[in-house]
Amino acid sequence: MLRQDVLRNKKDFDRLYKKGAKVHGKYLVVIFLKNGTDENRKAFLASKKVGKAVARNRARRLMKEAFRSLAPRVKSGYDILFIARNTILNAKCREVTDSMTVSLKKGKLFT
């Protein structure tokens, strides 16, 4: 059974890239767009520019953990895409959480 809160379809990603608002942070880029539901759908991406598989997996784990701690404070009803930058490789979890907090505040996604 697939989880409902994860972005998977190409059309959703294309819509986010074309119409979504972008906020650039030190360690990540956040792209978001209203989705018309009461839930947030999210995705965490790390391209090959970030590094090899181990580095990309670590980057995704850091972003997921940062969002998990911030999720109760994030407004609902959005598709949110988190894209790792290559600066995330040497970052600690707390630094990524702080960067994500700043990015979400800039995008007015915090309640």
N, C-alpha and C. Protein backbone atom coordinates (compact mmCIF):
# COMPACT_ATOMS: atom_id res chain seq x y z
N MET A 1 0.84 -1.18 0.00
CA MET A 1 0.00 0.00 0.00
C MET A 1 0.88 1.25 0.00
N LEU A 2 0.61 2.17 -0.90
CA LEU A 2 1.40 3.39 -1.01
C LEU A 2 0.96 4.42 0.01
N ARG A 3 1.94 5.18 0.48
CA ARG A 3 1.61 6.26 1.40
C ARG A 3 1.01 7.41 0.62
N GLN A 4 0.01 8.06 1.18
CA GLN A 4 -0.70 9.14 0.50
C GLN A 4 0.03 10.48 0.60
N ASP A 5 0.99 10.60 1.51
CA ASP A 5 1.62 11.89 1.74
C ASP A 5 2.95 12.05 1.00
N VAL A 6 3.20 11.21 -0.02
CA VAL A 6 4.44 11.27 -0.76
C VAL A 6 4.14 11.58 -2.22
N LEU A 7 4.88 12.53 -2.79
CA LEU A 7 4.73 12.84 -4.21
C LEU A 7 5.42 11.77 -5.03
N ARG A 8 4.73 11.25 -6.05
CA ARG A 8 5.32 10.20 -6.87
C ARG A 8 5.14 10.43 -8.37
N ASN A 9 4.06 11.05 -8.78
CA ASN A 9 3.72 11.15 -10.19
C ASN A 9 4.51 12.24 -10.91
N LYS A 10 4.89 11.96 -12.14
CA LYS A 10 5.64 12.91 -12.94
C LYS A 10 4.84 14.19 -13.16
N LYS A 11 3.52 14.06 -13.34
CA LYS A 11 2.70 15.26 -13.58
C LYS A 11 2.71 16.18 -12.36
N ASP A 12 2.78 15.61 -11.16
CA ASP A 12 2.85 16.44 -9.95
C ASP A 12 4.18 17.18 -9.87
N PHE A 13 5.26 16.50 -10.22
CA PHE A 13 6.56 17.15 -10.21
C PHE A 13 6.63 18.24 -11.28
N ASP A 14 6.11 17.95 -12.46
CA ASP A 14 6.11 18.94 -13.54
C ASP A 14 5.31 20.18 -13.14
N ARG A 15 4.16 19.96 -12.50
CA ARG A 15 3.33 21.09 -12.04
C ARG A 15 4.07 21.91 -11.00
N LEU A 16 4.78 21.24 -10.10
CA LEU A 16 5.55 21.96 -9.08
C LEU A 16 6.66 22.79 -9.71
N TYR A 17 7.39 22.19 -10.66
CA TYR A 17 8.49 22.92 -11.29
C TYR A 17 7.99 24.12 -12.09
N LYS A 18 6.82 24.00 -12.74
CA LYS A 18 6.32 25.08 -13.58
C LYS A 18 5.64 26.19 -12.78
N LYS A 19 4.80 25.80 -11.81
CA LYS A 19 3.95 26.78 -11.14
C LYS A 19 4.33 27.04 -9.69
N GLY A 20 5.20 26.23 -9.12
CA GLY A 20 5.51 26.35 -7.70
C GLY A 20 6.41 27.53 -7.37
N ALA A 21 6.32 27.98 -6.13
CA ALA A 21 7.19 29.03 -5.63
C ALA A 21 8.47 28.40 -5.08
N LYS A 22 9.61 29.05 -5.30
CA LYS A 22 10.89 28.51 -4.87
C LYS A 22 11.49 29.39 -3.78
N VAL A 23 12.09 28.72 -2.80
CA VAL A 23 12.82 29.41 -1.75
C VAL A 23 14.17 28.72 -1.63
N HIS A 24 15.24 29.49 -1.77
CA HIS A 24 16.59 28.95 -1.73
C HIS A 24 17.17 29.14 -0.34
N GLY A 25 17.75 28.08 0.19
CA GLY A 25 18.40 28.11 1.49
C GLY A 25 19.86 27.71 1.35
N LYS A 26 20.54 27.67 2.46
CA LYS A 26 21.96 27.33 2.45
C LYS A 26 22.19 25.87 2.05
N TYR A 27 21.36 24.96 2.55
CA TYR A 27 21.56 23.54 2.32
C TYR A 27 20.51 22.91 1.40
N LEU A 28 19.42 23.63 1.13
CA LEU A 28 18.36 23.03 0.33
C LEU A 28 17.54 24.09 -0.38
N VAL A 29 16.78 23.64 -1.37
CA VAL A 29 15.83 24.47 -2.09
C VAL A 29 14.45 23.89 -1.83
N VAL A 30 13.49 24.74 -1.53
CA VAL A 30 12.12 24.30 -1.27
C VAL A 30 11.22 24.85 -2.38
N ILE A 31 10.48 23.95 -3.02
CA ILE A 31 9.49 24.33 -4.02
C ILE A 31 8.13 23.88 -3.49
N PHE A 32 7.15 24.79 -3.50
CA PHE A 32 5.86 24.44 -2.91
C PHE A 32 4.73 25.05 -3.73
N LEU A 33 3.56 24.40 -3.61
CA LEU A 33 2.38 24.82 -4.34
C LEU A 33 1.16 24.24 -3.63
N LYS A 34 0.07 25.02 -3.56
CA LYS A 34 -1.17 24.50 -2.95
C LYS A 34 -1.67 23.31 -3.76
N ASN A 35 -2.18 22.29 -3.03
CA ASN A 35 -2.64 21.09 -3.73
C ASN A 35 -4.15 20.86 -3.63
N GLY A 36 -4.85 21.70 -2.90
CA GLY A 36 -6.31 21.58 -2.84
C GLY A 36 -6.83 20.51 -1.90
N THR A 37 -5.97 19.92 -1.09
CA THR A 37 -6.41 18.93 -0.11
C THR A 37 -6.07 19.44 1.29
N ASP A 38 -6.36 18.62 2.29
CA ASP A 38 -6.05 19.00 3.66
C ASP A 38 -4.72 18.45 4.13
N GLU A 39 -4.01 17.74 3.27
CA GLU A 39 -2.74 17.12 3.66
C GLU A 39 -1.59 17.69 2.87
N ASN A 40 -0.41 17.61 3.46
CA ASN A 40 0.81 17.95 2.74
C ASN A 40 1.34 16.70 2.05
N ARG A 41 1.73 16.87 0.80
CA ARG A 41 2.45 15.81 0.11
C ARG A 41 3.86 16.32 -0.10
N LYS A 42 4.84 15.45 0.09
CA LYS A 42 6.21 15.93 0.06
C LYS A 42 7.10 14.93 -0.66
N ALA A 43 8.27 15.44 -1.10
CA ALA A 43 9.29 14.61 -1.72
C ALA A 43 10.64 15.20 -1.37
N PHE A 44 11.63 14.34 -1.27
CA PHE A 44 13.00 14.74 -0.92
C PHE A 44 13.92 14.25 -2.02
N LEU A 45 14.61 15.19 -2.69
CA LEU A 45 15.47 14.84 -3.82
C LEU A 45 16.91 15.24 -3.55
N ALA A 46 17.81 14.41 -4.05
CA ALA A 46 19.24 14.72 -4.04
C ALA A 46 19.79 14.24 -5.37
N SER A 47 20.26 15.16 -6.19
CA SER A 47 20.74 14.79 -7.52
C SER A 47 22.17 14.26 -7.44
N LYS A 48 22.68 13.82 -8.57
CA LYS A 48 24.04 13.29 -8.61
C LYS A 48 25.08 14.37 -8.38
N LYS A 49 24.68 15.63 -8.47
CA LYS A 49 25.59 16.73 -8.15
C LYS A 49 25.96 16.72 -6.67
N VAL A 50 25.10 16.14 -5.84
CA VAL A 50 25.36 16.08 -4.40
C VAL A 50 26.49 15.09 -4.11
N GLY A 51 26.54 14.01 -4.87
CA GLY A 51 27.60 13.02 -4.66
C GLY A 51 27.13 11.64 -5.07
N LYS A 52 27.88 10.66 -4.62
CA LYS A 52 27.52 9.27 -4.95
C LYS A 52 26.35 8.83 -4.07
N ALA A 53 25.95 7.58 -4.21
CA ALA A 53 24.73 7.08 -3.58
C ALA A 53 24.71 7.27 -2.06
N VAL A 54 25.83 7.02 -1.41
CA VAL A 54 25.87 7.15 0.05
C VAL A 54 25.62 8.59 0.47
N ALA A 55 26.21 9.53 -0.24
CA ALA A 55 26.04 10.96 0.08
C ALA A 55 24.61 11.40 -0.20
N ARG A 56 24.04 10.94 -1.32
CA ARG A 56 22.66 11.32 -1.64
C ARG A 56 21.68 10.76 -0.63
N ASN A 57 21.89 9.52 -0.20
CA ASN A 57 21.01 8.93 0.82
C ASN A 57 21.12 9.67 2.15
N ARG A 58 22.34 10.06 2.52
CA ARG A 58 22.52 10.82 3.76
C ARG A 58 21.80 12.17 3.67
N ALA A 59 21.90 12.82 2.51
CA ALA A 59 21.23 14.11 2.32
C ALA A 59 19.72 13.96 2.46
N ARG A 60 19.15 12.92 1.86
CA ARG A 60 17.71 12.68 1.98
C ARG A 60 17.32 12.37 3.43
N ARG A 61 18.13 11.58 4.11
CA ARG A 61 17.84 11.26 5.52
C ARG A 61 17.86 12.52 6.38
N LEU A 62 18.84 13.39 6.15
CA LEU A 62 18.91 14.64 6.91
C LEU A 62 17.67 15.50 6.68
N MET A 63 17.25 15.62 5.42
CA MET A 63 16.08 16.44 5.11
C MET A 63 14.80 15.83 5.70
N LYS A 64 14.67 14.51 5.62
CA LYS A 64 13.48 13.86 6.18
C LYS A 64 13.41 14.05 7.69
N GLU A 65 14.53 13.91 8.37
CA GLU A 65 14.55 14.08 9.82
C GLU A 65 14.24 15.53 10.20
N ALA A 66 14.80 16.47 9.45
CA ALA A 66 14.52 17.88 9.72
C ALA A 66 13.04 18.18 9.54
N PHE A 67 12.45 17.66 8.47
CA PHE A 67 11.02 17.92 8.24
C PHE A 67 10.16 17.22 9.29
N ARG A 68 10.55 16.02 9.70
CA ARG A 68 9.78 15.30 10.71
C ARG A 68 9.65 16.12 11.99
N SER A 69 10.72 16.79 12.38
CA SER A 69 10.66 17.59 13.60
C SER A 69 9.87 18.89 13.42
N LEU A 70 9.77 19.37 12.17
CA LEU A 70 9.06 20.62 11.90
C LEU A 70 7.63 20.42 11.42
N ALA A 71 7.25 19.20 11.07
CA ALA A 71 5.96 18.93 10.42
C ALA A 71 4.75 19.45 11.18
N PRO A 72 4.70 19.36 12.52
CA PRO A 72 3.49 19.86 13.20
C PRO A 72 3.26 21.37 13.02
N ARG A 73 4.31 22.12 12.69
CA ARG A 73 4.19 23.57 12.56
C ARG A 73 3.98 24.03 11.12
N VAL A 74 3.99 23.11 10.16
CA VAL A 74 3.86 23.47 8.75
C VAL A 74 2.38 23.50 8.37
N LYS A 75 1.98 24.54 7.62
CA LYS A 75 0.60 24.64 7.16
C LYS A 75 0.27 23.44 6.28
N SER A 76 -0.99 23.02 6.31
CA SER A 76 -1.39 21.87 5.50
C SER A 76 -2.03 22.34 4.19
N GLY A 77 -2.06 21.41 3.22
CA GLY A 77 -2.65 21.70 1.94
C GLY A 77 -1.65 22.07 0.86
N TYR A 78 -0.40 21.63 1.00
CA TYR A 78 0.65 21.98 0.04
C TYR A 78 1.37 20.74 -0.47
N ASP A 79 1.85 20.84 -1.71
CA ASP A 79 2.84 19.91 -2.24
C ASP A 79 4.18 20.57 -2.01
N ILE A 80 5.10 19.87 -1.35
CA ILE A 80 6.38 20.46 -0.99
C ILE A 80 7.49 19.55 -1.51
N LEU A 81 8.44 20.15 -2.24
CA LEU A 81 9.57 19.43 -2.78
C LEU A 81 10.84 20.01 -2.16
N PHE A 82 11.62 19.17 -1.51
CA PHE A 82 12.89 19.58 -0.91
C PHE A 82 14.01 19.03 -1.78
N ILE A 83 14.88 19.91 -2.27
CA ILE A 83 15.99 19.51 -3.12
C ILE A 83 17.29 19.85 -2.40
N ALA A 84 18.13 18.84 -2.21
CA ALA A 84 19.39 19.04 -1.50
C ALA A 84 20.41 19.76 -2.38
N ARG A 85 21.19 20.63 -1.77
CA ARG A 85 22.31 21.26 -2.44
C ARG A 85 23.57 20.52 -2.01
N ASN A 86 24.65 20.67 -2.76
CA ASN A 86 25.86 19.92 -2.42
C ASN A 86 26.51 20.42 -1.13
N THR A 87 26.09 21.55 -0.59
CA THR A 87 26.63 22.03 0.68
C THR A 87 26.12 21.22 1.87
N ILE A 88 25.11 20.39 1.64
CA ILE A 88 24.51 19.61 2.73
C ILE A 88 25.43 18.48 3.21
N LEU A 89 26.43 18.13 2.42
CA LEU A 89 27.28 16.98 2.73
C LEU A 89 27.99 17.09 4.08
N ASN A 90 28.45 18.26 4.42
CA ASN A 90 29.20 18.43 5.67
C ASN A 90 28.34 19.00 6.79
N ALA A 91 27.04 19.05 6.60
CA ALA A 91 26.15 19.67 7.57
C ALA A 91 25.69 18.66 8.63
N LYS A 92 25.42 19.18 9.79
CA LYS A 92 24.83 18.39 10.87
C LYS A 92 23.31 18.51 10.77
N CYS A 93 22.62 17.63 11.44
CA CYS A 93 21.15 17.60 11.38
C CYS A 93 20.56 18.92 11.88
N ARG A 94 21.11 19.47 12.94
CA ARG A 94 20.59 20.72 13.50
C ARG A 94 20.73 21.87 12.50
N GLU A 95 21.84 21.90 11.75
CA GLU A 95 22.04 22.96 10.75
C GLU A 95 21.03 22.84 9.62
N VAL A 96 20.74 21.61 9.21
CA VAL A 96 19.75 21.40 8.15
C VAL A 96 18.36 21.79 8.64
N THR A 97 18.05 21.46 9.89
CA THR A 97 16.77 21.84 10.47
C THR A 97 16.63 23.36 10.52
N ASP A 98 17.68 24.05 10.92
CA ASP A 98 17.64 25.52 10.97
C ASP A 98 17.46 26.11 9.58
N SER A 99 18.17 25.56 8.60
CA SER A 99 18.05 26.04 7.22
C SER A 99 16.65 25.80 6.68
N MET A 100 16.07 24.64 6.99
CA MET A 100 14.72 24.33 6.54
C MET A 100 13.71 25.24 7.21
N THR A 101 13.92 25.55 8.48
CA THR A 101 13.04 26.47 9.20
C THR A 101 13.03 27.83 8.53
N VAL A 102 14.22 28.34 8.22
CA VAL A 102 14.33 29.65 7.57
C VAL A 102 13.64 29.63 6.21
N SER A 103 13.85 28.57 5.44
CA SER A 103 13.24 28.47 4.11
C SER A 103 11.72 28.40 4.20
N LEU A 104 11.20 27.62 5.13
CA LEU A 104 9.75 27.50 5.28
C LEU A 104 9.14 28.81 5.78
N LYS A 105 9.86 29.55 6.62
CA LYS A 105 9.36 30.85 7.07
C LYS A 105 9.34 31.84 5.92
N LYS A 106 10.36 31.83 5.07
CA LYS A 106 10.40 32.71 3.90
C LYS A 106 9.22 32.43 2.97
N GLY A 107 8.87 31.15 2.84
CA GLY A 107 7.75 30.77 1.99
C GLY A 107 6.40 30.90 2.67
N LYS A 108 6.39 31.37 3.91
CA LYS A 108 5.15 31.55 4.70
C LYS A 108 4.39 30.24 4.86
N LEU A 109 5.12 29.15 5.08
CA LEU A 109 4.49 27.84 5.29
C LEU A 109 4.41 27.46 6.75
N PHE A 110 4.93 28.29 7.64
CA PHE A 110 4.85 28.02 9.07
C PHE A 110 3.60 28.64 9.66
N THR A 111 2.99 27.93 10.61
CA THR A 111 1.81 28.48 11.28
C THR A 111 2.22 29.22 12.55
